[in-house]
Amino acid sequence: MAKAATLDAGALARVVTPPKASTTPRAPAQAAPKVETVPVQIRVPAEVAKSIRVGAAMRDQSISDYVAMCVQDWQARNES
């Protein structure tokens, strides 16, 4: 068994820690500058739409970024 400790004012003092909300915020991460975007609407079969969503999710990208990457890759492969 542990030995009994004497209680004095120091042992009974309450430790005050500031809540996390009152601490100074960290600097936000510097994001890459976004290029102005223009909406484009296309119609594709349901299977293609699903594969686009799955591909974007697997690469942790937005659907817009994923489709832009696919188009750029296609253009690079098909330049003559």
N, C-alpha and C. Protein backbone atom coordinates (compact mmCIF):
# COMPACT_ATOMS: atom_id res chain seq x y z
N MET A 1 0.83 -1.18 0.00
CA MET A 1 0.00 0.00 0.00
C MET A 1 0.87 1.24 0.00
N ALA A 2 0.36 2.28 -0.62
CA ALA A 2 1.10 3.54 -0.67
C ALA A 2 1.04 4.23 0.68
N LYS A 3 2.09 4.95 0.99
CA LYS A 3 2.13 5.67 2.25
C LYS A 3 1.24 6.90 2.15
N ALA A 4 0.69 7.30 3.23
CA ALA A 4 -0.15 8.50 3.27
C ALA A 4 0.72 9.73 3.15
N ALA A 5 0.28 10.69 2.37
CA ALA A 5 1.02 11.94 2.20
C ALA A 5 0.38 13.00 3.08
N THR A 6 1.19 13.90 3.57
CA THR A 6 0.64 14.98 4.39
C THR A 6 -0.02 16.00 3.48
N LEU A 7 -1.14 16.50 3.88
CA LEU A 7 -1.86 17.50 3.11
C LEU A 7 -1.48 18.88 3.61
N ASP A 8 -0.98 19.70 2.71
CA ASP A 8 -0.68 21.08 3.05
C ASP A 8 -1.30 21.98 1.99
N ALA A 9 -1.08 23.28 2.07
CA ALA A 9 -1.70 24.22 1.14
C ALA A 9 -1.24 23.96 -0.30
N GLY A 10 0.00 23.58 -0.50
CA GLY A 10 0.52 23.31 -1.84
C GLY A 10 -0.13 22.09 -2.47
N ALA A 11 -0.39 21.07 -1.69
CA ALA A 11 -1.00 19.85 -2.21
C ALA A 11 -2.46 20.05 -2.54
N LEU A 12 -3.10 20.98 -1.84
CA LEU A 12 -4.52 21.22 -2.06
C LEU A 12 -4.79 22.33 -3.07
N ALA A 13 -3.74 22.99 -3.55
CA ALA A 13 -3.93 24.09 -4.51
C ALA A 13 -4.48 23.54 -5.82
N ARG A 14 -5.40 24.26 -6.37
CA ARG A 14 -6.03 23.85 -7.63
C ARG A 14 -5.15 24.27 -8.80
N VAL A 15 -4.90 23.36 -9.70
CA VAL A 15 -4.10 23.66 -10.89
C VAL A 15 -5.06 24.19 -11.96
N VAL A 16 -4.79 25.40 -12.43
CA VAL A 16 -5.67 26.02 -13.42
C VAL A 16 -4.98 25.96 -14.79
N THR A 17 -5.64 25.29 -15.72
CA THR A 17 -5.14 25.25 -17.09
C THR A 17 -6.13 25.98 -17.97
N PRO A 18 -5.65 26.84 -18.86
CA PRO A 18 -6.59 27.59 -19.71
C PRO A 18 -7.27 26.65 -20.69
N PRO A 19 -8.55 26.89 -20.97
CA PRO A 19 -9.23 26.04 -21.96
C PRO A 19 -8.61 26.25 -23.33
N LYS A 20 -8.71 25.23 -24.18
CA LYS A 20 -8.09 25.30 -25.49
C LYS A 20 -8.62 26.45 -26.33
N ALA A 21 -9.87 26.82 -26.13
CA ALA A 21 -10.46 27.89 -26.93
C ALA A 21 -9.83 29.24 -26.62
N SER A 22 -9.26 29.40 -25.43
CA SER A 22 -8.70 30.69 -25.08
C SER A 22 -7.23 30.82 -25.45
N THR A 23 -6.63 29.79 -25.99
CA THR A 23 -5.24 29.88 -26.41
C THR A 23 -5.17 30.58 -27.76
N THR A 24 -4.03 31.11 -28.07
CA THR A 24 -3.88 31.83 -29.34
C THR A 24 -3.93 30.83 -30.49
N PRO A 25 -4.64 31.16 -31.55
CA PRO A 25 -4.74 30.22 -32.67
C PRO A 25 -3.43 30.12 -33.43
N ARG A 26 -3.23 28.97 -34.02
CA ARG A 26 -2.05 28.77 -34.87
C ARG A 26 -2.27 29.44 -36.20
N ALA A 27 -1.21 29.73 -36.87
CA ALA A 27 -1.32 30.33 -38.20
C ALA A 27 -1.92 29.30 -39.15
N PRO A 28 -2.84 29.71 -40.00
CA PRO A 28 -3.42 28.75 -40.95
C PRO A 28 -2.37 28.29 -41.96
N ALA A 29 -2.54 27.08 -42.42
CA ALA A 29 -1.61 26.52 -43.41
C ALA A 29 -1.73 27.32 -44.70
N GLN A 30 -0.63 27.57 -45.32
CA GLN A 30 -0.63 28.32 -46.56
C GLN A 30 -1.10 27.42 -47.69
N ALA A 31 -2.26 27.72 -48.22
CA ALA A 31 -2.80 26.93 -49.32
C ALA A 31 -2.31 27.50 -50.65
N ALA A 32 -2.25 26.64 -51.63
CA ALA A 32 -1.85 27.09 -52.97
C ALA A 32 -2.92 28.05 -53.49
N PRO A 33 -2.51 29.08 -54.18
CA PRO A 33 -3.51 30.03 -54.70
C PRO A 33 -4.45 29.32 -55.68
N LYS A 34 -5.72 29.58 -55.51
CA LYS A 34 -6.72 28.95 -56.37
C LYS A 34 -6.89 29.76 -57.65
N VAL A 35 -7.04 29.05 -58.73
CA VAL A 35 -7.30 29.67 -60.02
C VAL A 35 -8.80 29.92 -60.11
N GLU A 36 -9.17 31.00 -60.76
CA GLU A 36 -10.59 31.29 -60.92
C GLU A 36 -11.25 30.14 -61.67
N THR A 37 -12.36 29.67 -61.15
CA THR A 37 -13.03 28.53 -61.75
C THR A 37 -14.31 28.97 -62.45
N VAL A 38 -14.67 28.21 -63.46
CA VAL A 38 -15.88 28.46 -64.23
C VAL A 38 -16.68 27.16 -64.21
N PRO A 39 -17.97 27.23 -63.88
CA PRO A 39 -18.75 25.99 -63.83
C PRO A 39 -18.94 25.37 -65.21
N VAL A 40 -18.81 24.05 -65.28
CA VAL A 40 -19.04 23.29 -66.50
C VAL A 40 -19.96 22.14 -66.13
N GLN A 41 -21.03 21.99 -66.88
CA GLN A 41 -21.96 20.90 -66.60
C GLN A 41 -21.92 19.92 -67.76
N ILE A 42 -21.76 18.65 -67.42
CA ILE A 42 -21.74 17.60 -68.44
C ILE A 42 -22.67 16.48 -67.99
N ARG A 43 -23.13 15.71 -68.92
CA ARG A 43 -23.96 14.55 -68.61
C ARG A 43 -23.18 13.31 -69.00
N VAL A 44 -23.05 12.40 -68.04
CA VAL A 44 -22.36 11.14 -68.27
C VAL A 44 -23.22 10.02 -67.71
N PRO A 45 -23.01 8.80 -68.18
CA PRO A 45 -23.75 7.67 -67.60
C PRO A 45 -23.45 7.53 -66.10
N ALA A 46 -24.36 6.90 -65.39
CA ALA A 46 -24.24 6.75 -63.94
C ALA A 46 -22.95 6.02 -63.55
N GLU A 47 -22.56 5.01 -64.35
CA GLU A 47 -21.35 4.25 -64.04
C GLU A 47 -20.11 5.14 -64.13
N VAL A 48 -20.09 6.04 -65.12
CA VAL A 48 -18.94 6.94 -65.28
C VAL A 48 -18.90 7.94 -64.13
N ALA A 49 -20.06 8.47 -63.76
CA ALA A 49 -20.12 9.42 -62.65
C ALA A 49 -19.62 8.78 -61.36
N LYS A 50 -20.02 7.53 -61.14
CA LYS A 50 -19.57 6.82 -59.94
C LYS A 50 -18.07 6.60 -59.96
N SER A 51 -17.53 6.22 -61.11
CA SER A 51 -16.08 5.99 -61.19
C SER A 51 -15.30 7.29 -60.99
N ILE A 52 -15.86 8.42 -61.42
CA ILE A 52 -15.21 9.72 -61.19
C ILE A 52 -15.20 10.03 -59.70
N ARG A 53 -16.34 9.84 -59.03
CA ARG A 53 -16.41 10.10 -57.60
C ARG A 53 -15.46 9.19 -56.82
N VAL A 54 -15.42 7.92 -57.18
CA VAL A 54 -14.54 6.97 -56.49
C VAL A 54 -13.08 7.33 -56.73
N GLY A 55 -12.73 7.66 -57.96
CA GLY A 55 -11.35 8.03 -58.28
C GLY A 55 -10.91 9.27 -57.53
N ALA A 56 -11.79 10.27 -57.43
CA ALA A 56 -11.46 11.49 -56.69
C ALA A 56 -11.30 11.20 -55.20
N ALA A 57 -12.17 10.36 -54.66
CA ALA A 57 -12.09 10.03 -53.24
C ALA A 57 -10.82 9.23 -52.94
N MET A 58 -10.42 8.34 -53.83
CA MET A 58 -9.22 7.53 -53.61
C MET A 58 -7.97 8.40 -53.58
N ARG A 59 -8.00 9.50 -54.32
CA ARG A 59 -6.83 10.39 -54.37
C ARG A 59 -6.98 11.59 -53.45
N ASP A 60 -8.06 11.60 -52.65
CA ASP A 60 -8.33 12.68 -51.71
C ASP A 60 -8.34 14.04 -52.43
N GLN A 61 -9.05 14.09 -53.55
CA GLN A 61 -9.18 15.31 -54.35
C GLN A 61 -10.65 15.66 -54.50
N SER A 62 -10.89 16.91 -54.86
CA SER A 62 -12.26 17.27 -55.21
C SER A 62 -12.55 16.70 -56.60
N ILE A 63 -13.82 16.57 -56.92
CA ILE A 63 -14.19 16.04 -58.23
C ILE A 63 -13.67 16.97 -59.33
N SER A 64 -13.74 18.28 -59.11
CA SER A 64 -13.25 19.24 -60.11
C SER A 64 -11.76 19.05 -60.36
N ASP A 65 -10.98 18.93 -59.28
CA ASP A 65 -9.53 18.74 -59.44
C ASP A 65 -9.22 17.42 -60.13
N TYR A 66 -9.97 16.37 -59.79
CA TYR A 66 -9.74 15.06 -60.39
C TYR A 66 -10.05 15.08 -61.88
N VAL A 67 -11.19 15.66 -62.26
CA VAL A 67 -11.56 15.72 -63.68
C VAL A 67 -10.55 16.58 -64.44
N ALA A 68 -10.12 17.70 -63.85
CA ALA A 68 -9.11 18.55 -64.51
C ALA A 68 -7.82 17.78 -64.73
N MET A 69 -7.41 16.99 -63.73
CA MET A 69 -6.20 16.19 -63.87
C MET A 69 -6.35 15.16 -65.00
N CYS A 70 -7.54 14.53 -65.07
CA CYS A 70 -7.78 13.53 -66.11
C CYS A 70 -7.75 14.17 -67.50
N VAL A 71 -8.34 15.35 -67.63
CA VAL A 71 -8.36 16.03 -68.93
C VAL A 71 -6.94 16.43 -69.33
N GLN A 72 -6.16 16.95 -68.38
CA GLN A 72 -4.78 17.34 -68.70
C GLN A 72 -3.95 16.12 -69.10
N ASP A 73 -4.16 15.00 -68.43
CA ASP A 73 -3.45 13.77 -68.78
C ASP A 73 -3.85 13.30 -70.17
N TRP A 74 -5.14 13.35 -70.46
CA TRP A 74 -5.63 12.93 -71.78
C TRP A 74 -5.05 13.83 -72.87
N GLN A 75 -5.00 15.14 -72.62
CA GLN A 75 -4.45 16.07 -73.60
C GLN A 75 -2.96 15.79 -73.83
N ALA A 76 -2.22 15.52 -72.78
CA ALA A 76 -0.80 15.24 -72.90
C ALA A 76 -0.56 13.97 -73.70
N ARG A 77 -1.40 12.98 -73.54
CA ARG A 77 -1.25 11.71 -74.27
C ARG A 77 -1.64 11.82 -75.72
N ASN A 78 -2.55 12.74 -76.05
CA ASN A 78 -3.09 12.82 -77.40
C ASN A 78 -2.60 14.02 -78.21
N GLU A 79 -1.56 14.69 -77.74
CA GLU A 79 -1.00 15.79 -78.53
C GLU A 79 -0.30 15.19 -79.74
N SER A 80 -0.48 15.84 -80.87
CA SER A 80 0.21 15.33 -82.06
C SER A 80 1.18 16.34 -82.58
